[in-house]
């Protein structure tokens, strides 16, 4: 009689970490949280084949079982959100504070993640620097010192050019918007630069600043840009964008 006894795998019960896991965990850590359907789209891009939400959920379930991530439905009618635990952050070498995402920022966060995914799909050679990463290098604010406005992300192109990304979901005042535009377009150094780097910087940091604006914010951002110097205005693009 044929011996049908199977040899048990030595790694049975352990997680085999692949490219999908590493990239997915990294995105969750960098963005603060990721919605399940966007993770499915990210996995599709990584695997170069369609990955369903159900298939993505199985991958996330392995993270949850390993205590690397938390998956929870927060907003009624929307897919679950996923964020990393301290153990999950350590797995991908991120030194951020773990915690449940704020309700006030969830939809904005989701929009920025979607924009990041669109950019990755269009240009695989570009790199993304999240607001969370930018914020981590900003020096502690001194008394009576204002903090710089941080973009929602930076796109670093293969040729070294940097594009600032702004997702404007809710319109600010024209004056506030103009102040933010002026600050980004006139910036010449990174957010952790010392005095010597500031004095040496001669070129604008951002070759382009792109606003992804809701219909309401589009009108305000466009009007604000009309008051900018002509040379700065050339490096600003305001796009009507509604997901």
C-alpha atoms as a PDB file:
ATOM      1  CA  UNK A   1       0.000   0.000   0.000  1.00  0.00           C
ATOM      2  CA  UNK A   2       1.206   3.494  -0.869  1.00  0.00           C
ATOM      3  CA  UNK A   3       2.435   5.494   2.104  1.00  0.00           C
ATOM      4  CA  UNK A   4       0.258   8.642   2.121  1.00  0.00           C
ATOM      5  CA  UNK A   5       1.681  10.117   5.305  1.00  0.00           C
ATOM      6  CA  UNK A   6       2.774  13.698   4.674  1.00  0.00           C
ATOM      7  CA  UNK A   7       5.963  15.218   6.028  1.00  0.00           C
ATOM      8  CA  UNK A   8       5.145  18.247   8.159  1.00  0.00           C
ATOM      9  CA  UNK A   9       6.780  21.513   7.071  1.00  0.00           C
ATOM     10  CA  UNK A  10       9.347  22.857   9.526  1.00  0.00           C
ATOM     11  CA  UNK A  11       7.859  26.353   9.156  1.00  0.00           C
ATOM     12  CA  UNK A  12       4.279  25.217   9.729  1.00  0.00           C
ATOM     13  CA  UNK A  13       2.397  27.874  11.685  1.00  0.00           C
ATOM     14  CA  UNK A  14       4.876  30.655  10.907  1.00  0.00           C
ATOM     15  CA  UNK A  15       4.358  33.542   8.485  1.00  0.00           C
ATOM     16  CA  UNK A  16       6.315  33.568   5.270  1.00  0.00           C
ATOM     17  CA  UNK A  17       6.941  37.283   4.738  1.00  0.00           C
ATOM     18  CA  UNK A  18       6.920  38.320   1.087  1.00  0.00           C
ATOM     19  CA  UNK A  19       7.165  41.533  -0.908  1.00  0.00           C
ATOM     20  CA  UNK A  20       3.433  42.159  -0.487  1.00  0.00           C
ATOM     21  CA  UNK A  21       3.794  42.013   3.297  1.00  0.00           C
ATOM     22  CA  UNK A  22       6.834  44.278   3.485  1.00  0.00           C
ATOM     23  CA  UNK A  23       5.441  46.942   1.159  1.00  0.00           C
ATOM     24  CA  UNK A  24       1.935  46.767   2.631  1.00  0.00           C
ATOM     25  CA  UNK A  25       3.179  47.066   6.214  1.00  0.00           C
ATOM     26  CA  UNK A  26       5.461  49.938   5.227  1.00  0.00           C
ATOM     27  CA  UNK A  27       2.625  51.849   3.562  1.00  0.00           C
ATOM     28  CA  UNK A  28       0.385  51.348   6.609  1.00  0.00           C
ATOM     29  CA  UNK A  29       3.133  52.665   8.862  1.00  0.00           C
ATOM     30  CA  UNK A  30       4.030  55.627   6.671  1.00  0.00           C
ATOM     31  CA  UNK A  31       0.438  56.697   5.991  1.00  0.00           C
ATOM     32  CA  UNK A  32      -0.708  56.096   9.577  1.00  0.00           C
ATOM     33  CA  UNK A  33      -3.528  53.821   8.401  1.00  0.00           C
ATOM     34  CA  UNK A  34      -4.714  52.242   5.158  1.00  0.00           C
ATOM     35  CA  UNK A  35      -8.221  51.282   4.078  1.00  0.00           C
ATOM     36  CA  UNK A  36      -8.658  47.635   3.144  1.00  0.00           C
ATOM     37  CA  UNK A  37      -9.793  48.269  -0.439  1.00  0.00           C
ATOM     38  CA  UNK A  38      -6.758  50.494  -1.070  1.00  0.00           C
ATOM     39  CA  UNK A  39      -4.481  47.772   0.267  1.00  0.00           C
ATOM     40  CA  UNK A  40      -6.095  45.405  -2.231  1.00  0.00           C
ATOM     41  CA  UNK A  41      -5.245  47.881  -5.017  1.00  0.00           C
ATOM     42  CA  UNK A  42      -1.689  48.201  -3.701  1.00  0.00           C
ATOM     43  CA  UNK A  43      -1.290  44.409  -3.668  1.00  0.00           C
ATOM     44  CA  UNK A  44      -2.608  44.299  -7.244  1.00  0.00           C
ATOM     45  CA  UNK A  45       0.098  46.756  -8.287  1.00  0.00           C
ATOM     46  CA  UNK A  46       2.800  44.788  -6.462  1.00  0.00           C
ATOM     47  CA  UNK A  47       1.694  41.417  -7.880  1.00  0.00           C
ATOM     48  CA  UNK A  48       0.889  42.759 -11.362  1.00  0.00           C
ATOM     49  CA  UNK A  49      -2.427  40.943 -11.172  1.00  0.00           C
ATOM     50  CA  UNK A  50      -5.861  41.610  -9.705  1.00  0.00           C
ATOM     51  CA  UNK A  51      -6.091  41.077  -5.941  1.00  0.00           C
ATOM     52  CA  UNK A  52      -9.606  41.085  -4.521  1.00  0.00           C
ATOM     53  CA  UNK A  53     -10.583  42.677  -1.220  1.00  0.00           C
ATOM     54  CA  UNK A  54     -11.229  39.178   0.161  1.00  0.00           C
ATOM     55  CA  UNK A  55      -7.717  38.068  -0.819  1.00  0.00           C
ATOM     56  CA  UNK A  56      -6.255  41.219   0.743  1.00  0.00           C
ATOM     57  CA  UNK A  57      -8.244  40.529   3.907  1.00  0.00           C
ATOM     58  CA  UNK A  58      -6.511  37.131   4.211  1.00  0.00           C
ATOM     59  CA  UNK A  59      -3.107  38.799   4.057  1.00  0.00           C
ATOM     60  CA  UNK A  60      -4.140  41.346   6.683  1.00  0.00           C
ATOM     61  CA  UNK A  61      -5.537  38.557   8.881  1.00  0.00           C
ATOM     62  CA  UNK A  62      -2.049  37.052   9.024  1.00  0.00           C
ATOM     63  CA  UNK A  63      -0.680  40.407  10.178  1.00  0.00           C
ATOM     64  CA  UNK A  64      -3.377  40.631  12.850  1.00  0.00           C
ATOM     65  CA  UNK A  65      -2.679  37.069  14.039  1.00  0.00           C
ATOM     66  CA  UNK A  66       0.991  37.969  14.370  1.00  0.00           C
ATOM     67  CA  UNK A  67       0.064  41.152  16.332  1.00  0.00           C
ATOM     68  CA  UNK A  68       1.635  43.336  13.652  1.00  0.00           C
ATOM     69  CA  UNK A  69      -1.556  45.202  12.776  1.00  0.00           C
ATOM     70  CA  UNK A  70      -5.073  46.070  13.890  1.00  0.00           C
ATOM     71  CA  UNK A  71      -8.011  45.888  11.481  1.00  0.00           C
ATOM     72  CA  UNK A  72     -11.231  47.647  12.418  1.00  0.00           C
ATOM     73  CA  UNK A  73     -14.348  49.019  10.728  1.00  0.00           C
ATOM     74  CA  UNK A  74     -14.577  52.609  11.925  1.00  0.00           C
ATOM     75  CA  UNK A  75     -16.752  54.545   9.456  1.00  0.00           C
ATOM     76  CA  UNK A  76     -20.169  53.108   8.702  1.00  0.00           C
ATOM     77  CA  UNK A  77     -20.507  51.914   5.118  1.00  0.00           C
ATOM     78  CA  UNK A  78     -16.746  51.978   4.462  1.00  0.00           C
ATOM     79  CA  UNK A  79     -14.239  49.110   4.362  1.00  0.00           C
ATOM     80  CA  UNK A  80     -12.128  48.422   7.441  1.00  0.00           C
ATOM     81  CA  UNK A  81      -8.993  50.403   8.203  1.00  0.00           C
ATOM     82  CA  UNK A  82      -5.641  48.826   9.048  1.00  0.00           C
ATOM     83  CA  UNK A  83      -2.864  50.324  11.164  1.00  0.00           C
ATOM     84  CA  UNK A  84       0.295  48.956  12.722  1.00  0.00           C
ATOM     85  CA  UNK A  85       1.090  47.999  16.279  1.00  0.00           C
ATOM     86  CA  UNK A  86       4.523  48.746  17.789  1.00  0.00           C
ATOM     87  CA  UNK A  87       5.569  45.222  16.735  1.00  0.00           C
ATOM     88  CA  UNK A  88       4.413  45.854  13.176  1.00  0.00           C
ATOM     89  CA  UNK A  89       6.320  49.138  12.980  1.00  0.00           C
ATOM     90  CA  UNK A  90       9.459  47.382  14.196  1.00  0.00           C
ATOM     91  CA  UNK A  91       9.050  44.720  11.502  1.00  0.00           C
ATOM     92  CA  UNK A  92       9.609  47.332   8.779  1.00  0.00           C
ATOM     93  CA  UNK A  93      12.028  49.546  10.702  1.00  0.00           C
ATOM     94  CA  UNK A  94       9.718  52.507  11.285  1.00  0.00           C
ATOM     95  CA  UNK A  95      10.187  54.567  14.418  1.00  0.00           C
ATOM     96  CA  UNK A  96       6.715  56.097  14.705  1.00  0.00           C
ATOM     97  CA  UNK A  97       4.299  56.126  17.618  1.00  0.00           C
ATOM     98  CA  UNK A  98       1.619  53.466  17.149  1.00  0.00           C
ATOM     99  CA  UNK A  99      -1.999  54.345  17.795  1.00  0.00           C
ATOM    100  CA  UNK A 100      -5.533  54.295  16.441  1.00  0.00           C
ATOM    101  CA  UNK A 101      -6.038  56.880  13.685  1.00  0.00           C
ATOM    102  CA  UNK A 102      -8.070  59.990  14.435  1.00  0.00           C
ATOM    103  CA  UNK A 103     -11.632  60.057  13.120  1.00  0.00           C
ATOM    104  CA  UNK A 104     -11.087  63.637  11.966  1.00  0.00           C
ATOM    105  CA  UNK A 105      -8.262  62.659   9.613  1.00  0.00           C
ATOM    106  CA  UNK A 106      -9.404  59.261   8.309  1.00  0.00           C
ATOM    107  CA  UNK A 107     -10.971  60.418   5.044  1.00  0.00           C
ATOM    108  CA  UNK A 108      -8.145  62.863   4.317  1.00  0.00           C
ATOM    109  CA  UNK A 109      -5.665  60.078   5.048  1.00  0.00           C
ATOM    110  CA  UNK A 110      -7.535  57.789   2.682  1.00  0.00           C
ATOM    111  CA  UNK A 111      -7.477  60.406  -0.086  1.00  0.00           C
ATOM    112  CA  UNK A 112      -3.716  60.911   0.249  1.00  0.00           C
ATOM    113  CA  UNK A 113      -3.139  57.143   0.165  1.00  0.00           C
ATOM    114  CA  UNK A 114      -5.219  56.937  -3.013  1.00  0.00           C
ATOM    115  CA  UNK A 115      -3.210  59.768  -4.608  1.00  0.00           C
ATOM    116  CA  UNK A 116       0.020  58.020  -3.619  1.00  0.00           C
ATOM    117  CA  UNK A 117      -1.247  54.830  -5.242  1.00  0.00           C
ATOM    118  CA  UNK A 118      -2.147  56.687  -8.453  1.00  0.00           C
ATOM    119  CA  UNK A 119       1.333  58.208  -8.631  1.00  0.00           C
ATOM    120  CA  UNK A 120       3.007  54.829  -8.032  1.00  0.00           C
ATOM    121  CA  UNK A 121       0.936  53.304 -10.836  1.00  0.00           C
ATOM    122  CA  UNK A 122       1.926  56.102 -13.229  1.00  0.00           C
ATOM    123  CA  UNK A 123       5.628  56.150 -12.339  1.00  0.00           C
ATOM    124  CA  UNK A 124       7.207  53.088 -10.721  1.00  0.00           C
ATOM    125  CA  UNK A 125      10.594  54.846 -10.520  1.00  0.00           C
ATOM    126  CA  UNK A 126       9.367  57.633  -8.235  1.00  0.00           C
ATOM    127  CA  UNK A 127       9.569  57.490  -4.449  1.00  0.00           C
ATOM    128  CA  UNK A 128       7.107  58.815  -1.885  1.00  0.00           C
ATOM    129  CA  UNK A 129       7.946  60.632   1.321  1.00  0.00           C
ATOM    130  CA  UNK A 130       4.954  60.760   3.636  1.00  0.00           C
ATOM    131  CA  UNK A 131       3.913  63.665   5.820  1.00  0.00           C
ATOM    132  CA  UNK A 132       4.589  61.398   8.782  1.00  0.00           C
ATOM    133  CA  UNK A 133       8.202  60.966   7.674  1.00  0.00           C
ATOM    134  CA  UNK A 134       8.605  64.696   7.020  1.00  0.00           C
ATOM    135  CA  UNK A 135       7.115  65.542  10.405  1.00  0.00           C
ATOM    136  CA  UNK A 136       9.564  63.204  12.136  1.00  0.00           C
ATOM    137  CA  UNK A 137      12.559  65.345  11.088  1.00  0.00           C
ATOM    138  CA  UNK A 138      11.089  68.768  11.941  1.00  0.00           C
ATOM    139  CA  UNK A 139      12.970  70.220  14.963  1.00  0.00           C
ATOM    140  CA  UNK A 140      11.001  70.873  18.133  1.00  0.00           C
ATOM    141  CA  UNK A 141       9.326  74.266  17.982  1.00  0.00           C
ATOM    142  CA  UNK A 142      10.732  76.947  20.228  1.00  0.00           C
ATOM    143  CA  UNK A 143       8.585  79.439  22.102  1.00  0.00           C
ATOM    144  CA  UNK A 144       7.015  82.077  19.824  1.00  0.00           C
ATOM    145  CA  UNK A 145       8.240  80.157  16.765  1.00  0.00           C
ATOM    146  CA  UNK A 146       5.741  79.125  14.103  1.00  0.00           C
ATOM    147  CA  UNK A 147       5.854  75.683  12.506  1.00  0.00           C
ATOM    148  CA  UNK A 148       6.204  75.375   8.726  1.00  0.00           C
ATOM    149  CA  UNK A 149       3.284  74.009   6.757  1.00  0.00           C
ATOM    150  CA  UNK A 150       4.060  70.430   5.767  1.00  0.00           C
ATOM    151  CA  UNK A 151       2.831  68.963   2.473  1.00  0.00           C
ATOM    152  CA  UNK A 152       0.711  65.811   2.546  1.00  0.00           C
ATOM    153  CA  UNK A 153       3.542  64.045   0.769  1.00  0.00           C
ATOM    154  CA  UNK A 154       6.577  64.503  -1.432  1.00  0.00           C
ATOM    155  CA  UNK A 155       7.218  62.692  -4.709  1.00  0.00           C
ATOM    156  CA  UNK A 156      10.932  62.251  -5.436  1.00  0.00           C
ATOM    157  CA  UNK A 157      11.477  61.651  -9.141  1.00  0.00           C
ATOM    158  CA  UNK A 158      14.306  59.540 -10.561  1.00  0.00           C
ATOM    159  CA  UNK A 159      16.132  62.692 -11.742  1.00  0.00           C
ATOM    160  CA  UNK A 160      16.099  64.160  -8.226  1.00  0.00           C
ATOM    161  CA  UNK A 161      13.279  66.665  -8.672  1.00  0.00           C
ATOM    162  CA  UNK A 162      10.786  66.876  -5.804  1.00  0.00           C
ATOM    163  CA  UNK A 163       7.056  67.524  -6.106  1.00  0.00           C
ATOM    164  CA  UNK A 164       4.961  68.624  -3.113  1.00  0.00           C
ATOM    165  CA  UNK A 165       1.501  67.061  -2.867  1.00  0.00           C
ATOM    166  CA  UNK A 166      -1.439  68.804  -1.206  1.00  0.00           C
ATOM    167  CA  UNK A 167      -4.880  67.249  -0.791  1.00  0.00           C
ATOM    168  CA  UNK A 168      -7.326  70.095  -0.128  1.00  0.00           C
ATOM    169  CA  UNK A 169     -10.560  68.446   0.958  1.00  0.00           C
ATOM    170  CA  UNK A 170     -12.068  71.369   2.884  1.00  0.00           C
ATOM    171  CA  UNK A 171     -11.531  74.924   1.653  1.00  0.00           C
ATOM    172  CA  UNK A 172      -9.533  77.294   3.829  1.00  0.00           C
ATOM    173  CA  UNK A 173      -9.662  81.076   3.478  1.00  0.00           C
ATOM    174  CA  UNK A 174      -8.052  82.606   0.405  1.00  0.00           C
ATOM    175  CA  UNK A 175      -5.460  84.363   2.561  1.00  0.00           C
ATOM    176  CA  UNK A 176      -4.505  81.181   4.449  1.00  0.00           C
ATOM    177  CA  UNK A 177      -4.317  79.198   1.213  1.00  0.00           C
ATOM    178  CA  UNK A 178      -2.126  81.828  -0.429  1.00  0.00           C
ATOM    179  CA  UNK A 179       0.197  81.794   2.608  1.00  0.00           C
ATOM    180  CA  UNK A 180       0.566  78.003   2.356  1.00  0.00           C
ATOM    181  CA  UNK A 181       1.182  78.141  -1.398  1.00  0.00           C
ATOM    182  CA  UNK A 182       3.775  80.862  -0.962  1.00  0.00           C
ATOM    183  CA  UNK A 183       5.538  78.901   1.791  1.00  0.00           C
ATOM    184  CA  UNK A 184       5.806  75.704  -0.259  1.00  0.00           C
ATOM    185  CA  UNK A 185       6.812  77.410  -3.498  1.00  0.00           C
ATOM    186  CA  UNK A 186       9.483  79.573  -1.854  1.00  0.00           C
ATOM    187  CA  UNK A 187      11.003  76.771   0.279  1.00  0.00           C
ATOM    188  CA  UNK A 188      14.641  76.082  -0.630  1.00  0.00           C
ATOM    189  CA  UNK A 189      15.714  73.422   1.875  1.00  0.00           C
ATOM    190  CA  UNK A 190      14.530  70.342   3.728  1.00  0.00           C
ATOM    191  CA  UNK A 191      12.587  70.559   6.988  1.00  0.00           C
ATOM    192  CA  UNK A 192      15.511  69.514   9.190  1.00  0.00           C
ATOM    193  CA  UNK A 193      18.088  71.788   7.530  1.00  0.00           C
ATOM    194  CA  UNK A 194      20.600  73.631   9.682  1.00  0.00           C
ATOM    195  CA  UNK A 195      21.574  77.288   9.262  1.00  0.00           C
ATOM    196  CA  UNK A 196      24.495  76.423   6.959  1.00  0.00           C
ATOM    197  CA  UNK A 197      22.232  74.447   4.610  1.00  0.00           C
ATOM    198  CA  UNK A 198      19.657  77.240   4.558  1.00  0.00           C
ATOM    199  CA  UNK A 199      22.227  79.859   3.538  1.00  0.00           C
ATOM    200  CA  UNK A 200      23.676  77.604   0.809  1.00  0.00           C
ATOM    201  CA  UNK A 201      20.336  76.658  -0.760  1.00  0.00           C
ATOM    202  CA  UNK A 202      19.837  78.533  -4.020  1.00  0.00           C
ATOM    203  CA  UNK A 203      17.213  76.515  -5.883  1.00  0.00           C
ATOM    204  CA  UNK A 204      13.573  75.942  -4.898  1.00  0.00           C
ATOM    205  CA  UNK A 205      13.037  72.638  -3.112  1.00  0.00           C
ATOM    206  CA  UNK A 206       9.917  71.888  -5.127  1.00  0.00           C
ATOM    207  CA  UNK A 207       9.948  71.841  -8.903  1.00  0.00           C
ATOM    208  CA  UNK A 208       6.161  71.629  -8.687  1.00  0.00           C
ATOM    209  CA  UNK A 209       3.409  71.919  -6.067  1.00  0.00           C
ATOM    210  CA  UNK A 210       0.231  70.012  -6.941  1.00  0.00           C
ATOM    211  CA  UNK A 211      -3.107  70.667  -5.254  1.00  0.00           C
ATOM    212  CA  UNK A 212      -5.706  67.901  -5.496  1.00  0.00           C
ATOM    213  CA  UNK A 213      -8.709  70.032  -4.595  1.00  0.00           C
ATOM    214  CA  UNK A 214     -12.371  69.312  -3.964  1.00  0.00           C
ATOM    215  CA  UNK A 215     -14.775  71.472  -6.029  1.00  0.00           C
ATOM    216  CA  UNK A 216     -15.135  73.951  -3.150  1.00  0.00           C
ATOM    217  CA  UNK A 217     -11.410  74.077  -2.417  1.00  0.00           C
ATOM    218  CA  UNK A 218     -10.529  74.319  -6.125  1.00  0.00           C
ATOM    219  CA  UNK A 219     -12.148  77.769  -6.378  1.00  0.00           C
ATOM    220  CA  UNK A 220     -10.325  79.035  -3.286  1.00  0.00           C
ATOM    221  CA  UNK A 221      -6.943  77.573  -4.292  1.00  0.00           C
ATOM    222  CA  UNK A 222      -7.252  79.054  -7.778  1.00  0.00           C
ATOM    223  CA  UNK A 223      -8.167  82.515  -6.470  1.00  0.00           C
ATOM    224  CA  UNK A 224      -5.325  82.370  -3.931  1.00  0.00           C
ATOM    225  CA  UNK A 225      -2.812  81.547  -6.679  1.00  0.00           C
ATOM    226  CA  UNK A 226      -3.804  84.656  -8.643  1.00  0.00           C
ATOM    227  CA  UNK A 227      -1.983  86.796  -6.089  1.00  0.00           C
ATOM    228  CA  UNK A 228       1.311  84.899  -6.340  1.00  0.00           C
ATOM    229  CA  UNK A 229       4.401  86.241  -8.134  1.00  0.00           C
ATOM    230  CA  UNK A 230       4.473  85.023 -11.733  1.00  0.00           C
ATOM    231  CA  UNK A 231       7.624  82.885 -11.317  1.00  0.00           C
ATOM    232  CA  UNK A 232       6.090  81.011  -8.373  1.00  0.00           C
ATOM    233  CA  UNK A 233       2.725  80.568 -10.034  1.00  0.00           C
ATOM    234  CA  UNK A 234       4.399  78.667 -12.882  1.00  0.00           C
ATOM    235  CA  UNK A 235       5.305  75.887 -10.429  1.00  0.00           C
ATOM    236  CA  UNK A 236       1.791  75.487  -9.024  1.00  0.00           C
ATOM    237  CA  UNK A 237      -0.844  73.159 -10.427  1.00  0.00           C
ATOM    238  CA  UNK A 238      -4.373  73.093  -8.971  1.00  0.00           C
ATOM    239  CA  UNK A 239      -6.381  70.052 -10.050  1.00  0.00           C
ATOM    240  CA  UNK A 240     -10.105  69.514  -9.461  1.00  0.00           C
ATOM    241  CA  UNK A 241     -10.120  66.110  -7.786  1.00  0.00           C
ATOM    242  CA  UNK A 242     -12.977  64.267  -6.151  1.00  0.00           C
ATOM    243  CA  UNK A 243     -12.768  60.577  -5.301  1.00  0.00           C
END
